C-alpha atoms as a PDB file:
ATOM      1  CA  MET A   1      -3.235   4.616  -3.068  1.00  0.00           C
ATOM      2  CA  VAL A   2      -6.150   2.770  -1.534  1.00  0.00           C
ATOM      3  CA  LEU A   3      -4.001   1.235   1.200  1.00  0.00           C
ATOM      4  CA  ASP A   4      -2.479   4.624   1.979  1.00  0.00           C
ATOM      5  CA  GLU A   5      -5.905   6.268   2.012  1.00  0.00           C
ATOM      6  CA  GLU A   6      -4.800   8.613  -0.774  1.00  0.00           C
ATOM      7  CA  ALA A   7      -7.472   7.525  -3.253  1.00  0.00           C
ATOM      8  CA  SER A   8     -10.565   9.598  -3.839  1.00  0.00           C
ATOM      9  CA  PRO A   9     -13.905   8.206  -2.627  1.00  0.00           C
ATOM     10  CA  GLU A  10     -14.742   7.319  -6.236  1.00  0.00           C
ATOM     11  CA  GLU A  11     -11.443   5.473  -6.688  1.00  0.00           C
ATOM     12  CA  GLN A  12     -11.955   3.623  -3.411  1.00  0.00           C
ATOM     13  CA  GLU A  13     -15.443   2.539  -4.471  1.00  0.00           C
ATOM     14  CA  TYR A  14     -14.218   1.381  -7.891  1.00  0.00           C
ATOM     15  CA  PHE A  15     -11.388  -0.581  -6.276  1.00  0.00           C
ATOM     16  CA  LYS A  16     -13.697  -2.152  -3.706  1.00  0.00           C
ATOM     17  CA  LYS A  17     -16.095  -3.343  -6.415  1.00  0.00           C
ATOM     18  CA  HIS A  18     -13.223  -4.686  -8.497  1.00  0.00           C
ATOM     19  CA  ILE A  19     -11.580  -6.752  -5.755  1.00  0.00           C
ATOM     20  CA  GLU A  20     -14.933  -8.198  -4.685  1.00  0.00           C
ATOM     21  CA  ASN A  21     -15.088  -9.892  -8.096  1.00  0.00           C
ATOM     22  CA  CYS A  22     -11.404 -10.637  -8.616  1.00  0.00           C
ATOM     23  CA  MET A  23      -9.932 -13.130  -6.169  1.00  0.00           C
ATOM     24  CA  PRO A  24      -6.259 -12.665  -7.215  1.00  0.00           C
ATOM     25  CA  TYR A  25      -6.451  -8.912  -6.559  1.00  0.00           C
ATOM     26  CA  TYR A  26      -8.358  -9.483  -3.340  1.00  0.00           C
ATOM     27  CA  GLU A  27      -5.642 -11.835  -2.088  1.00  0.00           C
ATOM     28  CA  ILE A  28      -2.858  -9.414  -3.035  1.00  0.00           C
ATOM     29  CA  TYR A  29      -4.704  -6.536  -1.380  1.00  0.00           C
ATOM     30  CA  SER A  30      -5.284  -8.574   1.780  1.00  0.00           C
ATOM     31  CA  VAL A  31      -1.621  -9.542   2.066  1.00  0.00           C
ATOM     32  CA  ASP A  32      -0.430  -5.992   1.379  1.00  0.00           C
ATOM     33  CA  LYS A  33      -2.863  -4.614   3.943  1.00  0.00           C
ATOM     34  CA  ALA A  34      -1.735  -7.133   6.581  1.00  0.00           C
ATOM     35  CA  ILE A  35       1.937  -6.314   5.969  1.00  0.00           C
ATOM     36  CA  LYS A  36       1.282  -2.580   6.182  1.00  0.00           C
ATOM     37  CA  GLU A  37      -0.655  -2.990   9.437  1.00  0.00           C
ATOM     38  CA  MET A  38       2.085  -5.166  10.943  1.00  0.00           C
ATOM     39  CA  ILE A  39       4.752  -2.612  10.040  1.00  0.00           C
ATOM     40  CA  ARG A  40       2.635   0.198  11.470  1.00  0.00           C
ATOM     41  CA  GLU A  41       2.185  -1.713  14.746  1.00  0.00           C
ATOM     42  CA  LYS A  42       5.842  -2.740  15.098  1.00  0.00           C
ATOM     43  CA  CYS A  43       7.459   0.509  13.974  1.00  0.00           C
ATOM     44  CA  TYR A  44       5.043   3.172  15.133  1.00  0.00           C
ATOM     45  CA  ASP A  45       7.544   4.920  17.404  1.00  0.00           C
ATOM     46  CA  ARG A  46      10.566   4.788  15.116  1.00  0.00           C
ATOM     47  CA  GLU A  47      11.623   7.571  12.818  1.00  0.00           C
ATOM     48  CA  VAL A  48      12.785   6.567   9.359  1.00  0.00           C
ATOM     49  CA  PRO A  49      15.657   8.589   7.887  1.00  0.00           C
ATOM     50  CA  LYS A  50      14.550  10.748   4.938  1.00  0.00           C
ATOM     51  CA  ASP A  51      17.291   9.383   2.672  1.00  0.00           C
ATOM     52  CA  LEU A  52      16.087   5.818   3.300  1.00  0.00           C
ATOM     53  CA  ILE A  53      12.544   6.789   2.330  1.00  0.00           C
ATOM     54  CA  ASP A  54      13.871   8.392  -0.862  1.00  0.00           C
ATOM     55  CA  GLN A  55      15.925   5.286  -1.705  1.00  0.00           C
ATOM     56  CA  ILE A  56      12.931   2.989  -1.221  1.00  0.00           C
ATOM     57  CA  LYS A  57      10.671   5.193  -3.357  1.00  0.00           C
ATOM     58  CA  SER A  58      13.323   5.324  -6.067  1.00  0.00           C
ATOM     59  CA  LYS A  59      13.579   1.515  -6.168  1.00  0.00           C
ATOM     60  CA  ILE A  60       9.797   1.153  -6.284  1.00  0.00           C
ATOM     61  CA  PHE A  61       9.462   3.589  -9.181  1.00  0.00           C
ATOM     62  CA  GLN A  62      12.344   1.911 -11.047  1.00  0.00           C
ATOM     63  CA  GLY A  63      10.518  -1.414 -10.777  1.00  0.00           C
ATOM     64  CA  ALA A  64       7.313   0.136 -12.101  1.00  0.00           C
ATOM     65  CA  GLU A  65       8.916   1.269 -15.363  1.00  0.00           C
END
């Protein structure tokens, strides 16, 4: 949520304070952020099919269970 800018200001502040004191989370966040930025730069003008988005979300949520 923080990477997607969907978190509330309070959630963003809590997350920021947490990763400042937790190196493993900071490293994960940094890598995830870099990957997201690279994808945004390389694929900014490409449209992703809706069914592909749904398939990816489904796989992500299955892994979270």
